[in-house]
Amino acid sequence: MLLRLTKEEEIEIITKISIDAFHSDYLVGLEPNDGPPDYDSVEWHKMMQSESHLYSYLDDNNTIIGGAILFSSTDTLYIGRIFISPEYQGNGYGIKLMNDIEKMFSHITLFKLDTPLNNARTNALYKKLGYVQTNIEGDCVSYVKKL
């Protein structure tokens, strides 16, 4: 498994995976064909890539199976979103991706993220990985993990 910055020529692939991944969230309690802001926008993903926030997650065959939007500062990493292609979901890749994010940013001491309150899959994932719920605001749950 490899986590690395997304290459410009991969933006359309990563956008398609984002769309497919977030559209599958209806299976775990969310609205069908919906997702976070700009999850389906090639232009937005281009902007995230140009600002070095967009990461591709590749399997051992160098196939892109997911991605992440990450914002780092000196000691804090905000995980804007992660997504795994539906054909790879349910095989532990979300856990592997989160672990690889923490390894890549091993100098970071505080990881932050939020997720929809009604998404049973992501809430269970983050709790399993040691993230602690800090706040619920509207339909969003915030989590942190200190290392």
C-alpha atoms as a PDB file:
ATOM      1  CA  MET A   1       0.000   0.000   0.000  1.00  0.00           C
ATOM      2  CA  LEU A   2       1.222   3.464  -0.857  1.00  0.00           C
ATOM      3  CA  LEU A   3      -0.070   6.878   0.196  1.00  0.00           C
ATOM      4  CA  ARG A   4       1.331   9.759  -1.842  1.00  0.00           C
ATOM      5  CA  LEU A   5       0.435  13.142  -3.265  1.00  0.00           C
ATOM      6  CA  THR A   6      -1.897  12.846  -6.235  1.00  0.00           C
ATOM      7  CA  LYS A   7      -0.402  13.438  -9.658  1.00  0.00           C
ATOM      8  CA  GLU A   8      -2.169  15.865 -11.984  1.00  0.00           C
ATOM      9  CA  GLU A   9      -2.997  13.099 -14.473  1.00  0.00           C
ATOM     10  CA  GLU A  10      -4.822  11.163 -11.709  1.00  0.00           C
ATOM     11  CA  ILE A  11      -7.331  13.871 -10.779  1.00  0.00           C
ATOM     12  CA  GLU A  12     -10.197  12.517 -12.882  1.00  0.00           C
ATOM     13  CA  ILE A  13      -9.634   9.001 -11.520  1.00  0.00           C
ATOM     14  CA  ILE A  14      -9.549  10.220  -7.919  1.00  0.00           C
ATOM     15  CA  THR A  15     -12.686  12.349  -8.479  1.00  0.00           C
ATOM     16  CA  LYS A  16     -14.546   9.300  -9.844  1.00  0.00           C
ATOM     17  CA  ILE A  17     -13.485   7.243  -6.828  1.00  0.00           C
ATOM     18  CA  SER A  18     -14.664  10.076  -4.542  1.00  0.00           C
ATOM     19  CA  ILE A  19     -18.064  10.149  -6.251  1.00  0.00           C
ATOM     20  CA  ASP A  20     -18.488   6.370  -6.115  1.00  0.00           C
ATOM     21  CA  ALA A  21     -17.343   6.157  -2.495  1.00  0.00           C
ATOM     22  CA  PHE A  22     -19.616   8.898  -1.197  1.00  0.00           C
ATOM     23  CA  HIS A  23     -22.567   7.647  -3.235  1.00  0.00           C
ATOM     24  CA  SER A  24     -22.189   4.282  -1.459  1.00  0.00           C
ATOM     25  CA  ASP A  25     -22.760   5.972   1.921  1.00  0.00           C
ATOM     26  CA  TYR A  26     -26.522   5.540   1.523  1.00  0.00           C
ATOM     27  CA  LEU A  27     -25.855   1.922   2.530  1.00  0.00           C
ATOM     28  CA  VAL A  28     -24.807   3.125   5.998  1.00  0.00           C
ATOM     29  CA  GLY A  29     -27.499   5.689   6.744  1.00  0.00           C
ATOM     30  CA  LEU A  30     -26.892   8.742   4.545  1.00  0.00           C
ATOM     31  CA  GLU A  31     -28.837  10.223   1.650  1.00  0.00           C
ATOM     32  CA  PRO A  32     -28.341   8.564  -1.746  1.00  0.00           C
ATOM     33  CA  ASN A  33     -26.153  10.338  -4.330  1.00  0.00           C
ATOM     34  CA  ASP A  34     -24.832  12.855  -1.835  1.00  0.00           C
ATOM     35  CA  GLY A  35     -21.520  13.714  -0.248  1.00  0.00           C
ATOM     36  CA  PRO A  36     -19.426  16.467   1.295  1.00  0.00           C
ATOM     37  CA  PRO A  37     -18.997  19.782  -0.525  1.00  0.00           C
ATOM     38  CA  ASP A  38     -17.310  19.428  -3.935  1.00  0.00           C
ATOM     39  CA  TYR A  39     -16.780  15.666  -3.599  1.00  0.00           C
ATOM     40  CA  ASP A  40     -17.888  15.385  -7.243  1.00  0.00           C
ATOM     41  CA  SER A  41     -15.957  18.365  -8.664  1.00  0.00           C
ATOM     42  CA  VAL A  42     -12.899  17.795 -10.854  1.00  0.00           C
ATOM     43  CA  GLU A  43     -12.034  21.502 -10.496  1.00  0.00           C
ATOM     44  CA  TRP A  44     -12.085  21.324  -6.694  1.00  0.00           C
ATOM     45  CA  HIS A  45      -9.876  18.227  -6.723  1.00  0.00           C
ATOM     46  CA  LYS A  46      -7.506  20.061  -9.092  1.00  0.00           C
ATOM     47  CA  MET A  47      -7.308  22.908  -6.595  1.00  0.00           C
ATOM     48  CA  MET A  48      -6.673  20.491  -3.699  1.00  0.00           C
ATOM     49  CA  GLN A  49      -3.939  18.803  -5.773  1.00  0.00           C
ATOM     50  CA  SER A  50      -2.304  22.119  -6.688  1.00  0.00           C
ATOM     51  CA  GLU A  51      -2.221  23.065  -2.981  1.00  0.00           C
ATOM     52  CA  SER A  52      -0.732  19.653  -2.010  1.00  0.00           C
ATOM     53  CA  HIS A  53      -3.778  18.539  -0.006  1.00  0.00           C
ATOM     54  CA  LEU A  54      -4.929  15.674  -2.278  1.00  0.00           C
ATOM     55  CA  TYR A  55      -3.445  12.219  -1.707  1.00  0.00           C
ATOM     56  CA  SER A  56      -3.891   8.991  -3.671  1.00  0.00           C
ATOM     57  CA  TYR A  57      -3.964   5.590  -1.990  1.00  0.00           C
ATOM     58  CA  LEU A  58      -2.587   2.768  -4.128  1.00  0.00           C
ATOM     59  CA  ASP A  59      -2.674  -0.980  -3.651  1.00  0.00           C
ATOM     60  CA  ASP A  60       0.263  -3.302  -4.242  1.00  0.00           C
ATOM     61  CA  ASN A  61      -0.511  -3.342  -8.000  1.00  0.00           C
ATOM     62  CA  ASN A  62      -0.260   0.493  -8.120  1.00  0.00           C
ATOM     63  CA  THR A  63      -4.016   0.779  -8.660  1.00  0.00           C
ATOM     64  CA  ILE A  64      -5.585   3.846  -7.043  1.00  0.00           C
ATOM     65  CA  ILE A  65      -8.188   2.507  -4.632  1.00  0.00           C
ATOM     66  CA  GLY A  66      -8.885   5.622  -2.586  1.00  0.00           C
ATOM     67  CA  GLY A  67      -7.769   9.023  -1.510  1.00  0.00           C
ATOM     68  CA  ALA A  68      -7.585  11.621   1.207  1.00  0.00           C
ATOM     69  CA  ILE A  69      -7.765  15.377   1.642  1.00  0.00           C
ATOM     70  CA  LEU A  70      -5.257  16.403   4.315  1.00  0.00           C
ATOM     71  CA  PHE A  71      -4.372  19.789   5.832  1.00  0.00           C
ATOM     72  CA  SER A  72      -1.274  19.936   8.020  1.00  0.00           C
ATOM     73  CA  SER A  73       0.236  22.552  10.272  1.00  0.00           C
ATOM     74  CA  THR A  74       3.187  22.319  12.632  1.00  0.00           C
ATOM     75  CA  ASP A  75       1.660  19.820  15.050  1.00  0.00           C
ATOM     76  CA  THR A  76      -1.913  19.243  13.809  1.00  0.00           C
ATOM     77  CA  LEU A  77      -3.324  17.338  10.862  1.00  0.00           C
ATOM     78  CA  TYR A  78      -6.916  17.900   9.823  1.00  0.00           C
ATOM     79  CA  ILE A  79      -8.205  14.941   7.858  1.00  0.00           C
ATOM     80  CA  GLY A  80     -10.704  16.653   5.574  1.00  0.00           C
ATOM     81  CA  ARG A  81     -11.947  13.366   4.162  1.00  0.00           C
ATOM     82  CA  ILE A  82     -10.895   9.896   3.214  1.00  0.00           C
ATOM     83  CA  PHE A  83     -12.549   7.679   0.632  1.00  0.00           C
ATOM     84  CA  ILE A  84     -12.129   4.125  -0.605  1.00  0.00           C
ATOM     85  CA  SER A  85     -13.577   2.814  -3.864  1.00  0.00           C
ATOM     86  CA  PRO A  86     -16.717   0.760  -3.106  1.00  0.00           C
ATOM     87  CA  GLU A  87     -15.222  -2.348  -4.742  1.00  0.00           C
ATOM     88  CA  TYR A  88     -12.473  -2.288  -2.088  1.00  0.00           C
ATOM     89  CA  GLN A  89     -14.632  -1.347   0.919  1.00  0.00           C
ATOM     90  CA  GLY A  90     -15.098  -3.873   3.693  1.00  0.00           C
ATOM     91  CA  ASN A  91     -11.569  -5.262   3.370  1.00  0.00           C
ATOM     92  CA  GLY A  92      -9.788  -3.136   5.971  1.00  0.00           C
ATOM     93  CA  TYR A  93      -8.465  -0.516   3.535  1.00  0.00           C
ATOM     94  CA  GLY A  94      -9.993   2.358   5.515  1.00  0.00           C
ATOM     95  CA  ILE A  95      -8.068   1.222   8.591  1.00  0.00           C
ATOM     96  CA  LYS A  96      -4.900   0.795   6.531  1.00  0.00           C
ATOM     97  CA  LEU A  97      -5.325   4.248   4.992  1.00  0.00           C
ATOM     98  CA  MET A  98      -5.781   5.921   8.380  1.00  0.00           C
ATOM     99  CA  ASN A  99      -2.763   4.066   9.782  1.00  0.00           C
ATOM    100  CA  ASP A 100      -0.693   5.097   6.762  1.00  0.00           C
ATOM    101  CA  ILE A 101      -1.775   8.716   7.206  1.00  0.00           C
ATOM    102  CA  GLU A 102      -0.596   8.616  10.826  1.00  0.00           C
ATOM    103  CA  LYS A 103       2.718   7.038   9.754  1.00  0.00           C
ATOM    104  CA  MET A 104       3.274   9.568   6.961  1.00  0.00           C
ATOM    105  CA  PHE A 105       2.661  12.413   9.415  1.00  0.00           C
ATOM    106  CA  SER A 106       4.498  10.838  12.355  1.00  0.00           C
ATOM    107  CA  HIS A 107       5.719  14.278  13.493  1.00  0.00           C
ATOM    108  CA  ILE A 108       2.095  15.333  14.099  1.00  0.00           C
ATOM    109  CA  THR A 109       0.800  15.098  17.664  1.00  0.00           C
ATOM    110  CA  LEU A 110      -2.879  15.944  17.078  1.00  0.00           C
ATOM    111  CA  PHE A 111      -5.147  14.508  14.388  1.00  0.00           C
ATOM    112  CA  LYS A 112      -8.593  16.041  13.851  1.00  0.00           C
ATOM    113  CA  LEU A 113     -11.537  15.079  11.660  1.00  0.00           C
ATOM    114  CA  ASP A 114     -15.281  15.153  11.441  1.00  0.00           C
ATOM    115  CA  THR A 115     -17.857  12.861   9.908  1.00  0.00           C
ATOM    116  CA  PRO A 116     -21.638  12.723   9.491  1.00  0.00           C
ATOM    117  CA  LEU A 117     -23.457  11.709  12.661  1.00  0.00           C
ATOM    118  CA  ASN A 118     -25.586   9.194  10.742  1.00  0.00           C
ATOM    119  CA  ASN A 119     -22.672   7.404   9.035  1.00  0.00           C
ATOM    120  CA  ALA A 120     -22.356   4.263  11.119  1.00  0.00           C
ATOM    121  CA  ARG A 121     -19.377   3.005   9.082  1.00  0.00           C
ATOM    122  CA  THR A 122     -17.101   6.013   9.576  1.00  0.00           C
ATOM    123  CA  ASN A 123     -18.053   6.614  13.209  1.00  0.00           C
ATOM    124  CA  ALA A 124     -17.212   2.982  14.043  1.00  0.00           C
ATOM    125  CA  LEU A 125     -13.942   3.216  12.075  1.00  0.00           C
ATOM    126  CA  TYR A 126     -12.666   6.302  13.860  1.00  0.00           C
ATOM    127  CA  LYS A 127     -13.583   4.974  17.307  1.00  0.00           C
ATOM    128  CA  LYS A 128     -11.872   1.655  16.512  1.00  0.00           C
ATOM    129  CA  LEU A 129      -8.720   3.595  15.586  1.00  0.00           C
ATOM    130  CA  GLY A 130      -8.640   5.436  18.936  1.00  0.00           C
ATOM    131  CA  TYR A 131     -10.210   8.731  17.913  1.00  0.00           C
ATOM    132  CA  VAL A 132     -12.200  10.398  20.685  1.00  0.00           C
ATOM    133  CA  GLN A 133     -15.448  12.223  20.024  1.00  0.00           C
ATOM    134  CA  THR A 134     -15.167  15.866  21.041  1.00  0.00           C
ATOM    135  CA  ASN A 135     -18.291  17.539  19.716  1.00  0.00           C
ATOM    136  CA  ILE A 136     -21.589  17.065  17.916  1.00  0.00           C
ATOM    137  CA  GLU A 137     -22.840  20.040  15.964  1.00  0.00           C
ATOM    138  CA  GLY A 138     -25.890  19.599  13.780  1.00  0.00           C
ATOM    139  CA  ASP A 139     -25.401  16.397  11.820  1.00  0.00           C
ATOM    140  CA  CYS A 140     -21.602  16.354  12.243  1.00  0.00           C
ATOM    141  CA  VAL A 141     -19.403  14.577  14.806  1.00  0.00           C
ATOM    142  CA  SER A 142     -15.868  15.833  15.541  1.00  0.00           C
ATOM    143  CA  TYR A 143     -13.051  13.540  16.624  1.00  0.00           C
ATOM    144  CA  VAL A 144      -9.448  13.957  17.769  1.00  0.00           C
ATOM    145  CA  LYS A 145      -6.542  11.624  18.391  1.00  0.00           C
ATOM    146  CA  LYS A 146      -3.449  12.674  20.300  1.00  0.00           C
ATOM    147  CA  LEU A 147      -0.194  10.831  19.675  1.00  0.00           C
END
